[in-house]
């Protein structure tokens, strides 16, 4: 049994912490939301009064936070964990942030002789709940190997993408492709619907044809096609539009920094930003389906 500090209990972090408890670990948690702490308590976690208190004495510290500024504050702020943790602790950041932030935190920890890896995840809320996430890790190979003992209770696939920050680059490449597929799938379904086709029938046809892809087959954006998809729950309880827009922004920053050409990523970023500005930022990212609805003539 490992002693684990877990900071950040949102839609993803809460189920991840609960799965660590199911795996036999002792998990001390912190979050700013009282409801999240109550849910964690019900799942068997111990609640701490601060991030530092959650991390105190832990063999592993795991963070699941919204954006760069939160990761920087938790790790590098005035009361940051880089000042609290000691050699022998492994810090694992599962947030999706810029590779630059991941490298910055890694360097700060390395200067103190403490291991840190960036380990963003893929698999969504459903994967977090089921313990089937994919972890995409950046950092020293030995540290990634050591992390397996806790990551394996939250996910089925663990990849070592490369050095510090590589996990973040791989993750934003994946999410850029995911968002492009979601927009394309939504366009195709809306075109069929505009011509009187049944969305379920059209989805079944495309799923057995060359248009098959994950957003069509597993996470269909049309309400009523898949009962377990967020689209059939008013687009609640999934991966937020605002978070997808954030990840697409990170992808565009990475493209600019490297000179990579990402026209589809740029267009999709603009669509998700527009959808957020229109008031849908807290809905699941598959709700982009509604932005593409045919206009009545």
C-alpha atoms as a PDB file:
ATOM      1  CA  UNK A   1       0.000   0.000   0.000  1.00  0.00           C
ATOM      2  CA  UNK A   2       1.368   3.394  -1.009  1.00  0.00           C
ATOM      3  CA  UNK A   3       0.784   6.721   0.737  1.00  0.00           C
ATOM      4  CA  UNK A   4      -0.581   9.067  -1.932  1.00  0.00           C
ATOM      5  CA  UNK A   5      -1.400  12.766  -1.897  1.00  0.00           C
ATOM      6  CA  UNK A   6      -3.972  13.697  -4.550  1.00  0.00           C
ATOM      7  CA  UNK A   7      -4.718  17.324  -5.436  1.00  0.00           C
ATOM      8  CA  UNK A   8      -7.546  18.269  -7.794  1.00  0.00           C
ATOM      9  CA  UNK A   9     -10.820  16.328  -7.620  1.00  0.00           C
ATOM     10  CA  UNK A  10     -12.814  17.456 -10.648  1.00  0.00           C
ATOM     11  CA  UNK A  11     -14.672  15.228 -13.101  1.00  0.00           C
ATOM     12  CA  UNK A  12     -11.440  13.331 -13.741  1.00  0.00           C
ATOM     13  CA  UNK A  13      -9.517  13.599 -10.483  1.00  0.00           C
ATOM     14  CA  UNK A  14     -12.340  12.462  -8.210  1.00  0.00           C
ATOM     15  CA  UNK A  15     -12.825   9.056  -9.865  1.00  0.00           C
ATOM     16  CA  UNK A  16      -9.062   8.605 -10.217  1.00  0.00           C
ATOM     17  CA  UNK A  17      -8.547   9.096  -6.480  1.00  0.00           C
ATOM     18  CA  UNK A  18     -11.416   6.702  -5.741  1.00  0.00           C
ATOM     19  CA  UNK A  19      -9.809   4.025  -7.917  1.00  0.00           C
ATOM     20  CA  UNK A  20      -6.545   4.381  -6.001  1.00  0.00           C
ATOM     21  CA  UNK A  21      -8.462   3.636  -2.792  1.00  0.00           C
ATOM     22  CA  UNK A  22     -10.028   0.590  -4.474  1.00  0.00           C
ATOM     23  CA  UNK A  23      -6.495  -0.480  -5.369  1.00  0.00           C
ATOM     24  CA  UNK A  24      -5.584  -0.618  -1.690  1.00  0.00           C
ATOM     25  CA  UNK A  25      -3.693   2.665  -1.365  1.00  0.00           C
ATOM     26  CA  UNK A  26      -4.086   5.309   1.334  1.00  0.00           C
ATOM     27  CA  UNK A  27      -5.114   8.523  -0.392  1.00  0.00           C
ATOM     28  CA  UNK A  28      -5.104  11.957   1.232  1.00  0.00           C
ATOM     29  CA  UNK A  29      -6.865  14.548  -0.942  1.00  0.00           C
ATOM     30  CA  UNK A  30      -7.337  18.283  -1.349  1.00  0.00           C
ATOM     31  CA  UNK A  31      -9.622  20.384  -3.525  1.00  0.00           C
ATOM     32  CA  UNK A  32     -11.169  23.830  -3.240  1.00  0.00           C
ATOM     33  CA  UNK A  33     -14.698  22.474  -3.859  1.00  0.00           C
ATOM     34  CA  UNK A  34     -16.452  21.171  -0.755  1.00  0.00           C
ATOM     35  CA  UNK A  35     -18.694  18.866  -2.801  1.00  0.00           C
ATOM     36  CA  UNK A  36     -15.630  17.215  -4.343  1.00  0.00           C
ATOM     37  CA  UNK A  37     -14.159  16.611  -0.896  1.00  0.00           C
ATOM     38  CA  UNK A  38     -17.421  15.096   0.322  1.00  0.00           C
ATOM     39  CA  UNK A  39     -17.487  12.710  -2.618  1.00  0.00           C
ATOM     40  CA  UNK A  40     -13.860  11.754  -1.984  1.00  0.00           C
ATOM     41  CA  UNK A  41     -14.623  11.080   1.676  1.00  0.00           C
ATOM     42  CA  UNK A  42     -17.464   8.797   0.653  1.00  0.00           C
ATOM     43  CA  UNK A  43     -15.021   6.962  -1.623  1.00  0.00           C
ATOM     44  CA  UNK A  44     -12.666   6.302   1.291  1.00  0.00           C
ATOM     45  CA  UNK A  45     -10.151   9.123   0.910  1.00  0.00           C
ATOM     46  CA  UNK A  46      -8.787  11.174   3.796  1.00  0.00           C
ATOM     47  CA  UNK A  47      -9.348  14.928   3.401  1.00  0.00           C
ATOM     48  CA  UNK A  48      -6.506  17.389   4.010  1.00  0.00           C
ATOM     49  CA  UNK A  49      -6.821  21.097   4.752  1.00  0.00           C
ATOM     50  CA  UNK A  50      -4.355  22.183   2.066  1.00  0.00           C
ATOM     51  CA  UNK A  51      -2.336  20.920  -0.878  1.00  0.00           C
ATOM     52  CA  UNK A  52       0.765  20.867   1.305  1.00  0.00           C
ATOM     53  CA  UNK A  53      -1.028  18.842   3.973  1.00  0.00           C
ATOM     54  CA  UNK A  54      -2.248  16.357   1.354  1.00  0.00           C
ATOM     55  CA  UNK A  55       1.318  15.872   0.147  1.00  0.00           C
ATOM     56  CA  UNK A  56       2.946  15.636   3.578  1.00  0.00           C
ATOM     57  CA  UNK A  57       4.651  12.273   4.057  1.00  0.00           C
ATOM     58  CA  UNK A  58       3.393  10.937   0.716  1.00  0.00           C
ATOM     59  CA  UNK A  59       5.428   8.556  -1.427  1.00  0.00           C
ATOM     60  CA  UNK A  60       3.534   9.759  -4.497  1.00  0.00           C
ATOM     61  CA  UNK A  61       1.850  13.111  -5.116  1.00  0.00           C
ATOM     62  CA  UNK A  62      -0.625  13.271  -7.992  1.00  0.00           C
ATOM     63  CA  UNK A  63      -2.140  16.467  -9.355  1.00  0.00           C
ATOM     64  CA  UNK A  64      -5.079  16.838 -11.740  1.00  0.00           C
ATOM     65  CA  UNK A  65      -5.563  20.569 -12.345  1.00  0.00           C
ATOM     66  CA  UNK A  66      -7.286  22.718 -15.006  1.00  0.00           C
ATOM     67  CA  UNK A  67      -4.491  24.791 -16.563  1.00  0.00           C
ATOM     68  CA  UNK A  68      -0.883  26.054 -16.473  1.00  0.00           C
ATOM     69  CA  UNK A  69      -1.506  28.716 -13.834  1.00  0.00           C
ATOM     70  CA  UNK A  70      -2.932  26.170 -11.407  1.00  0.00           C
ATOM     71  CA  UNK A  71      -0.038  23.758 -11.896  1.00  0.00           C
ATOM     72  CA  UNK A  72       2.479  26.576 -11.470  1.00  0.00           C
ATOM     73  CA  UNK A  73       0.747  27.799  -8.306  1.00  0.00           C
ATOM     74  CA  UNK A  74       0.520  24.355  -6.691  1.00  0.00           C
ATOM     75  CA  UNK A  75       4.083  23.366  -7.478  1.00  0.00           C
ATOM     76  CA  UNK A  76       6.018  26.624  -7.709  1.00  0.00           C
ATOM     77  CA  UNK A  77       3.999  29.196  -5.743  1.00  0.00           C
ATOM     78  CA  UNK A  78       4.902  30.747  -2.389  1.00  0.00           C
ATOM     79  CA  UNK A  79       3.682  27.598  -0.639  1.00  0.00           C
ATOM     80  CA  UNK A  80       4.459  25.395  -3.611  1.00  0.00           C
ATOM     81  CA  UNK A  81       5.075  21.688  -3.310  1.00  0.00           C
ATOM     82  CA  UNK A  82       8.608  22.038  -4.636  1.00  0.00           C
ATOM     83  CA  UNK A  83       9.411  23.519  -1.229  1.00  0.00           C
ATOM     84  CA  UNK A  84       7.412  20.920   0.700  1.00  0.00           C
ATOM     85  CA  UNK A  85       8.378  17.581  -0.828  1.00  0.00           C
ATOM     86  CA  UNK A  86      11.544  15.677  -0.024  1.00  0.00           C
ATOM     87  CA  UNK A  87      13.810  13.354  -1.973  1.00  0.00           C
ATOM     88  CA  UNK A  88      12.139   9.972  -2.352  1.00  0.00           C
ATOM     89  CA  UNK A  89       8.756  11.435  -3.282  1.00  0.00           C
ATOM     90  CA  UNK A  90       7.576  11.101  -6.880  1.00  0.00           C
ATOM     91  CA  UNK A  91       5.352  13.932  -8.143  1.00  0.00           C
ATOM     92  CA  UNK A  92       3.043  13.023 -11.029  1.00  0.00           C
ATOM     93  CA  UNK A  93       1.143  15.786 -12.814  1.00  0.00           C
ATOM     94  CA  UNK A  94      -1.800  14.399 -14.787  1.00  0.00           C
ATOM     95  CA  UNK A  95      -3.041  17.837 -15.886  1.00  0.00           C
ATOM     96  CA  UNK A  96      -2.917  18.880 -19.533  1.00  0.00           C
ATOM     97  CA  UNK A  97      -0.687  21.953 -19.677  1.00  0.00           C
ATOM     98  CA  UNK A  98       2.018  23.382 -21.915  1.00  0.00           C
ATOM     99  CA  UNK A  99       5.219  21.437 -22.356  1.00  0.00           C
ATOM    100  CA  UNK A 100       7.055  24.569 -21.191  1.00  0.00           C
ATOM    101  CA  UNK A 101       5.272  24.466 -17.829  1.00  0.00           C
ATOM    102  CA  UNK A 102       5.982  20.746 -17.467  1.00  0.00           C
ATOM    103  CA  UNK A 103       9.679  21.355 -18.128  1.00  0.00           C
ATOM    104  CA  UNK A 104       9.735  24.326 -15.746  1.00  0.00           C
ATOM    105  CA  UNK A 105       8.332  22.234 -12.897  1.00  0.00           C
ATOM    106  CA  UNK A 106      10.598  19.305 -13.759  1.00  0.00           C
ATOM    107  CA  UNK A 107      13.691  21.540 -13.604  1.00  0.00           C
ATOM    108  CA  UNK A 108      12.630  23.019 -10.266  1.00  0.00           C
ATOM    109  CA  UNK A 109      12.206  19.539  -8.789  1.00  0.00           C
ATOM    110  CA  UNK A 110      15.404  18.211 -10.339  1.00  0.00           C
ATOM    111  CA  UNK A 111      17.330  21.025  -8.662  1.00  0.00           C
ATOM    112  CA  UNK A 112      16.123  19.650  -5.324  1.00  0.00           C
ATOM    113  CA  UNK A 113      16.754  16.005  -6.220  1.00  0.00           C
ATOM    114  CA  UNK A 114      13.053  15.123  -6.424  1.00  0.00           C
ATOM    115  CA  UNK A 115      11.494  13.108  -9.242  1.00  0.00           C
ATOM    116  CA  UNK A 116       8.705  14.632 -11.318  1.00  0.00           C
ATOM    117  CA  UNK A 117       6.907  13.367 -14.424  1.00  0.00           C
ATOM    118  CA  UNK A 118       4.212  14.877 -16.601  1.00  0.00           C
ATOM    119  CA  UNK A 119       1.536  12.236 -17.186  1.00  0.00           C
ATOM    120  CA  UNK A 120      -1.548  13.705 -18.900  1.00  0.00           C
ATOM    121  CA  UNK A 121      -4.361  11.270 -19.564  1.00  0.00           C
ATOM    122  CA  UNK A 122      -6.679  10.235 -22.365  1.00  0.00           C
ATOM    123  CA  UNK A 123      -9.955   8.385 -21.971  1.00  0.00           C
ATOM    124  CA  UNK A 124     -12.354  10.991 -20.629  1.00  0.00           C
ATOM    125  CA  UNK A 125     -14.599  10.864 -17.589  1.00  0.00           C
ATOM    126  CA  UNK A 126     -15.789   7.379 -18.488  1.00  0.00           C
ATOM    127  CA  UNK A 127     -12.206   6.141 -18.528  1.00  0.00           C
ATOM    128  CA  UNK A 128     -11.493   7.834 -15.203  1.00  0.00           C
ATOM    129  CA  UNK A 129     -14.509   6.154 -13.631  1.00  0.00           C
ATOM    130  CA  UNK A 130     -13.748   2.738 -15.100  1.00  0.00           C
ATOM    131  CA  UNK A 131     -10.016   2.895 -14.390  1.00  0.00           C
ATOM    132  CA  UNK A 132      -9.178   2.482 -18.072  1.00  0.00           C
ATOM    133  CA  UNK A 133      -7.296   5.723 -18.744  1.00  0.00           C
ATOM    134  CA  UNK A 134      -4.229   6.019 -20.946  1.00  0.00           C
ATOM    135  CA  UNK A 135      -1.291   7.777 -19.273  1.00  0.00           C
ATOM    136  CA  UNK A 136       1.144   9.599 -21.576  1.00  0.00           C
ATOM    137  CA  UNK A 137       4.303  10.207 -19.591  1.00  0.00           C
ATOM    138  CA  UNK A 138       7.263  12.507 -19.982  1.00  0.00           C
ATOM    139  CA  UNK A 139      10.344  12.378 -17.766  1.00  0.00           C
ATOM    140  CA  UNK A 140      13.102  10.008 -16.685  1.00  0.00           C
ATOM    141  CA  UNK A 141      12.461   6.388 -17.628  1.00  0.00           C
ATOM    142  CA  UNK A 142      13.143   5.167 -14.091  1.00  0.00           C
ATOM    143  CA  UNK A 143      10.617   7.620 -12.628  1.00  0.00           C
ATOM    144  CA  UNK A 144       7.979   6.568 -15.161  1.00  0.00           C
ATOM    145  CA  UNK A 145       8.604   2.922 -14.320  1.00  0.00           C
ATOM    146  CA  UNK A 146       8.267   3.686 -10.614  1.00  0.00           C
ATOM    147  CA  UNK A 147       4.926   5.421 -11.270  1.00  0.00           C
ATOM    148  CA  UNK A 148       3.406   2.214 -12.659  1.00  0.00           C
ATOM    149  CA  UNK A 149       2.528   0.973  -9.177  1.00  0.00           C
ATOM    150  CA  UNK A 150      -0.073   3.748  -8.805  1.00  0.00           C
ATOM    151  CA  UNK A 151      -0.956   4.525 -12.418  1.00  0.00           C
ATOM    152  CA  UNK A 152      -1.991   0.934 -13.090  1.00  0.00           C
ATOM    153  CA  UNK A 153      -4.916   1.324 -10.677  1.00  0.00           C
ATOM    154  CA  UNK A 154      -6.275   4.236 -12.717  1.00  0.00           C
ATOM    155  CA  UNK A 155      -5.532   3.166 -16.266  1.00  0.00           C
ATOM    156  CA  UNK A 156      -4.902   0.313 -18.682  1.00  0.00           C
ATOM    157  CA  UNK A 157      -2.213   1.866 -20.857  1.00  0.00           C
ATOM    158  CA  UNK A 158       0.967   3.629 -19.733  1.00  0.00           C
ATOM    159  CA  UNK A 159       3.281   5.135 -22.351  1.00  0.00           C
ATOM    160  CA  UNK A 160       6.660   6.795 -21.940  1.00  0.00           C
ATOM    161  CA  UNK A 161       6.644   9.463 -24.650  1.00  0.00           C
ATOM    162  CA  UNK A 162      10.132  10.818 -23.924  1.00  0.00           C
ATOM    163  CA  UNK A 163      11.853  13.449 -21.803  1.00  0.00           C
ATOM    164  CA  UNK A 164      10.148  16.026 -19.577  1.00  0.00           C
ATOM    165  CA  UNK A 165       7.306  17.713 -21.471  1.00  0.00           C
ATOM    166  CA  UNK A 166       6.995  14.943 -24.054  1.00  0.00           C
ATOM    167  CA  UNK A 167       3.840  13.635 -22.407  1.00  0.00           C
ATOM    168  CA  UNK A 168       2.204  17.027 -22.856  1.00  0.00           C
ATOM    169  CA  UNK A 169       3.183  17.274 -26.525  1.00  0.00           C
ATOM    170  CA  UNK A 170       1.795  13.801 -27.246  1.00  0.00           C
ATOM    171  CA  UNK A 171      -1.412  14.629 -25.374  1.00  0.00           C
ATOM    172  CA  UNK A 172      -2.130  17.846 -27.273  1.00  0.00           C
ATOM    173  CA  UNK A 173      -1.435  16.073 -30.571  1.00  0.00           C
ATOM    174  CA  UNK A 174      -4.025  13.477 -29.578  1.00  0.00           C
ATOM    175  CA  UNK A 175      -6.603  16.042 -28.493  1.00  0.00           C
ATOM    176  CA  UNK A 176      -6.117  18.120 -31.619  1.00  0.00           C
ATOM    177  CA  UNK A 177      -6.885  15.046 -33.719  1.00  0.00           C
ATOM    178  CA  UNK A 178      -9.823  14.148 -31.460  1.00  0.00           C
ATOM    179  CA  UNK A 179     -11.387  17.584 -31.883  1.00  0.00           C
ATOM    180  CA  UNK A 180     -10.921  17.530 -35.663  1.00  0.00           C
ATOM    181  CA  UNK A 181     -12.623  14.126 -35.790  1.00  0.00           C
ATOM    182  CA  UNK A 182     -15.474  15.403 -33.612  1.00  0.00           C
ATOM    183  CA  UNK A 183     -16.101  18.368 -35.906  1.00  0.00           C
ATOM    184  CA  UNK A 184     -15.920  16.176 -39.005  1.00  0.00           C
ATOM    185  CA  UNK A 185     -18.253  13.574 -37.528  1.00  0.00           C
ATOM    186  CA  UNK A 186     -20.717  16.277 -36.485  1.00  0.00           C
ATOM    187  CA  UNK A 187     -20.650  17.832 -39.952  1.00  0.00           C
ATOM    188  CA  UNK A 188     -21.336  14.485 -41.627  1.00  0.00           C
ATOM    189  CA  UNK A 189     -24.205  13.588 -39.302  1.00  0.00           C
ATOM    190  CA  UNK A 190     -25.799  17.019 -39.613  1.00  0.00           C
ATOM    191  CA  UNK A 191     -25.583  16.809 -43.413  1.00  0.00           C
ATOM    192  CA  UNK A 192     -27.379  13.476 -43.366  1.00  0.00           C
ATOM    193  CA  UNK A 193     -30.026  14.742 -40.950  1.00  0.00           C
ATOM    194  CA  UNK A 194     -30.615  17.804 -43.159  1.00  0.00           C
ATOM    195  CA  UNK A 195     -31.482  15.408 -45.973  1.00  0.00           C
ATOM    196  CA  UNK A 196     -33.873  13.346 -43.884  1.00  0.00           C
ATOM    197  CA  UNK A 197     -31.610  10.487 -42.811  1.00  0.00           C
ATOM    198  CA  UNK A 198     -31.937   8.843 -39.418  1.00  0.00           C
ATOM    199  CA  UNK A 199     -28.805   9.698 -37.384  1.00  0.00           C
ATOM    200  CA  UNK A 200     -28.604   6.204 -35.844  1.00  0.00           C
ATOM    201  CA  UNK A 201     -28.850   4.490 -39.216  1.00  0.00           C
ATOM    202  CA  UNK A 202     -26.289   6.855 -40.744  1.00  0.00           C
ATOM    203  CA  UNK A 203     -23.949   6.288 -37.788  1.00  0.00           C
ATOM    204  CA  UNK A 204     -24.241   2.521 -38.222  1.00  0.00           C
ATOM    205  CA  UNK A 205     -23.475   2.842 -41.932  1.00  0.00           C
ATOM    206  CA  UNK A 206     -20.407   5.017 -41.385  1.00  0.00           C
ATOM    207  CA  UNK A 207     -19.210   2.831 -38.477  1.00  0.00           C
ATOM    208  CA  UNK A 208     -18.942  -0.088 -40.904  1.00  0.00           C
ATOM    209  CA  UNK A 209     -17.438   2.056 -43.652  1.00  0.00           C
ATOM    210  CA  UNK A 210     -14.309   4.115 -44.170  1.00  0.00           C
ATOM    211  CA  UNK A 211     -15.661   6.987 -42.047  1.00  0.00           C
ATOM    212  CA  UNK A 212     -15.452   4.947 -38.848  1.00  0.00           C
ATOM    213  CA  UNK A 213     -13.674   6.728 -35.973  1.00  0.00           C
ATOM    214  CA  UNK A 214     -13.762   6.953 -32.162  1.00  0.00           C
ATOM    215  CA  UNK A 215     -16.051  10.010 -31.985  1.00  0.00           C
ATOM    216  CA  UNK A 216     -18.582   8.256 -34.209  1.00  0.00           C
ATOM    217  CA  UNK A 217     -18.343   4.753 -32.749  1.00  0.00           C
ATOM    218  CA  UNK A 218     -17.831   5.449 -29.020  1.00  0.00           C
ATOM    219  CA  UNK A 219     -18.744   9.085 -28.294  1.00  0.00           C
ATOM    220  CA  UNK A 220     -21.415   9.901 -30.858  1.00  0.00           C
ATOM    221  CA  UNK A 221     -22.321  13.617 -30.751  1.00  0.00           C
ATOM    222  CA  UNK A 222     -25.961  13.222 -31.854  1.00  0.00           C
ATOM    223  CA  UNK A 223     -28.512  12.965 -29.020  1.00  0.00           C
ATOM    224  CA  UNK A 224     -30.250   9.594 -28.813  1.00  0.00           C
ATOM    225  CA  UNK A 225     -27.785   7.623 -30.909  1.00  0.00           C
ATOM    226  CA  UNK A 226     -25.822   6.312 -27.898  1.00  0.00           C
ATOM    227  CA  UNK A 227     -27.536   6.223 -24.517  1.00  0.00           C
ATOM    228  CA  UNK A 228     -24.250   6.424 -22.562  1.00  0.00           C
ATOM    229  CA  UNK A 229     -22.738   9.313 -24.520  1.00  0.00           C
ATOM    230  CA  UNK A 230     -22.883  12.876 -23.110  1.00  0.00           C
ATOM    231  CA  UNK A 231     -24.991  13.875 -26.146  1.00  0.00           C
ATOM    232  CA  UNK A 232     -27.853  11.842 -24.670  1.00  0.00           C
ATOM    233  CA  UNK A 233     -27.446  13.582 -21.282  1.00  0.00           C
ATOM    234  CA  UNK A 234     -27.792  17.138 -22.573  1.00  0.00           C
ATOM    235  CA  UNK A 235     -24.012  17.152 -23.048  1.00  0.00           C
ATOM    236  CA  UNK A 236     -23.379  17.021 -19.292  1.00  0.00           C
ATOM    237  CA  UNK A 237     -20.693  15.116 -17.400  1.00  0.00           C
ATOM    238  CA  UNK A 238     -17.989  14.915 -20.026  1.00  0.00           C
ATOM    239  CA  UNK A 239     -14.935  16.785 -21.297  1.00  0.00           C
ATOM    240  CA  UNK A 240     -15.770  20.487 -21.288  1.00  0.00           C
ATOM    241  CA  UNK A 241     -15.748  22.721 -24.352  1.00  0.00           C
ATOM    242  CA  UNK A 242     -13.578  25.172 -22.404  1.00  0.00           C
ATOM    243  CA  UNK A 243     -11.001  22.468 -21.700  1.00  0.00           C
ATOM    244  CA  UNK A 244     -10.909  21.353 -25.327  1.00  0.00           C
ATOM    245  CA  UNK A 245     -10.500  24.969 -26.396  1.00  0.00           C
ATOM    246  CA  UNK A 246      -7.633  25.299 -23.902  1.00  0.00           C
ATOM    247  CA  UNK A 247      -5.923  22.175 -25.244  1.00  0.00           C
ATOM    248  CA  UNK A 248      -6.325  23.369 -28.829  1.00  0.00           C
ATOM    249  CA  UNK A 249      -4.748  26.667 -27.813  1.00  0.00           C
ATOM    250  CA  UNK A 250      -1.791  24.743 -26.394  1.00  0.00           C
ATOM    251  CA  UNK A 251      -1.515  22.841 -29.683  1.00  0.00           C
ATOM    252  CA  UNK A 252      -1.433  26.104 -31.631  1.00  0.00           C
ATOM    253  CA  UNK A 253       1.254  27.499 -29.319  1.00  0.00           C
ATOM    254  CA  UNK A 254       3.309  24.361 -29.878  1.00  0.00           C
ATOM    255  CA  UNK A 255       2.806  24.633 -33.645  1.00  0.00           C
ATOM    256  CA  UNK A 256       3.988  28.233 -33.678  1.00  0.00           C
ATOM    257  CA  UNK A 257       7.025  27.384 -31.577  1.00  0.00           C
ATOM    258  CA  UNK A 258       8.101  24.581 -33.905  1.00  0.00           C
ATOM    259  CA  UNK A 259       6.915  25.870 -37.266  1.00  0.00           C
ATOM    260  CA  UNK A 260       4.530  22.917 -37.654  1.00  0.00           C
ATOM    261  CA  UNK A 261       1.626  23.428 -40.066  1.00  0.00           C
ATOM    262  CA  UNK A 262      -1.751  22.707 -38.420  1.00  0.00           C
ATOM    263  CA  UNK A 263      -4.550  24.307 -40.495  1.00  0.00           C
ATOM    264  CA  UNK A 264      -7.230  21.873 -39.317  1.00  0.00           C
ATOM    265  CA  UNK A 265      -6.169  22.367 -35.711  1.00  0.00           C
ATOM    266  CA  UNK A 266      -6.357  26.151 -36.106  1.00  0.00           C
ATOM    267  CA  UNK A 267      -9.835  26.027 -37.668  1.00  0.00           C
ATOM    268  CA  UNK A 268     -11.107  23.639 -35.013  1.00  0.00           C
ATOM    269  CA  UNK A 269      -9.658  25.856 -32.278  1.00  0.00           C
ATOM    270  CA  UNK A 270     -11.614  28.816 -33.659  1.00  0.00           C
ATOM    271  CA  UNK A 271     -14.826  26.779 -33.756  1.00  0.00           C
ATOM    272  CA  UNK A 272     -14.473  25.681 -30.130  1.00  0.00           C
ATOM    273  CA  UNK A 273     -13.573  29.190 -28.985  1.00  0.00           C
ATOM    274  CA  UNK A 274     -16.659  30.531 -30.759  1.00  0.00           C
ATOM    275  CA  UNK A 275     -18.855  27.832 -29.194  1.00  0.00           C
ATOM    276  CA  UNK A 276     -17.523  28.748 -25.770  1.00  0.00           C
ATOM    277  CA  UNK A 277     -18.133  32.473 -26.311  1.00  0.00           C
ATOM    278  CA  UNK A 278     -21.708  31.623 -27.268  1.00  0.00           C
ATOM    279  CA  UNK A 279     -22.210  30.261 -23.754  1.00  0.00           C
ATOM    280  CA  UNK A 280     -21.502  26.543 -24.105  1.00  0.00           C
ATOM    281  CA  UNK A 281     -18.122  26.336 -22.389  1.00  0.00           C
ATOM    282  CA  UNK A 282     -19.393  24.087 -19.580  1.00  0.00           C
ATOM    283  CA  UNK A 283     -20.959  21.553 -21.941  1.00  0.00           C
ATOM    284  CA  UNK A 284     -19.227  18.446 -23.247  1.00  0.00           C
ATOM    285  CA  UNK A 285     -17.041  19.048 -26.296  1.00  0.00           C
ATOM    286  CA  UNK A 286     -19.329  16.871 -28.445  1.00  0.00           C
ATOM    287  CA  UNK A 287     -21.920  19.667 -28.164  1.00  0.00           C
ATOM    288  CA  UNK A 288     -20.079  21.287 -31.097  1.00  0.00           C
ATOM    289  CA  UNK A 289     -22.595  19.157 -33.024  1.00  0.00           C
ATOM    290  CA  UNK A 290     -25.203  21.841 -32.363  1.00  0.00           C
ATOM    291  CA  UNK A 291     -23.041  24.634 -33.777  1.00  0.00           C
ATOM    292  CA  UNK A 292     -23.088  22.806 -37.108  1.00  0.00           C
ATOM    293  CA  UNK A 293     -26.858  22.334 -37.351  1.00  0.00           C
ATOM    294  CA  UNK A 294     -28.302  23.166 -40.771  1.00  0.00           C
ATOM    295  CA  UNK A 295     -30.071  26.496 -40.981  1.00  0.00           C
ATOM    296  CA  UNK A 296     -33.665  26.535 -42.175  1.00  0.00           C
ATOM    297  CA  UNK A 297     -34.101  27.908 -45.679  1.00  0.00           C
END
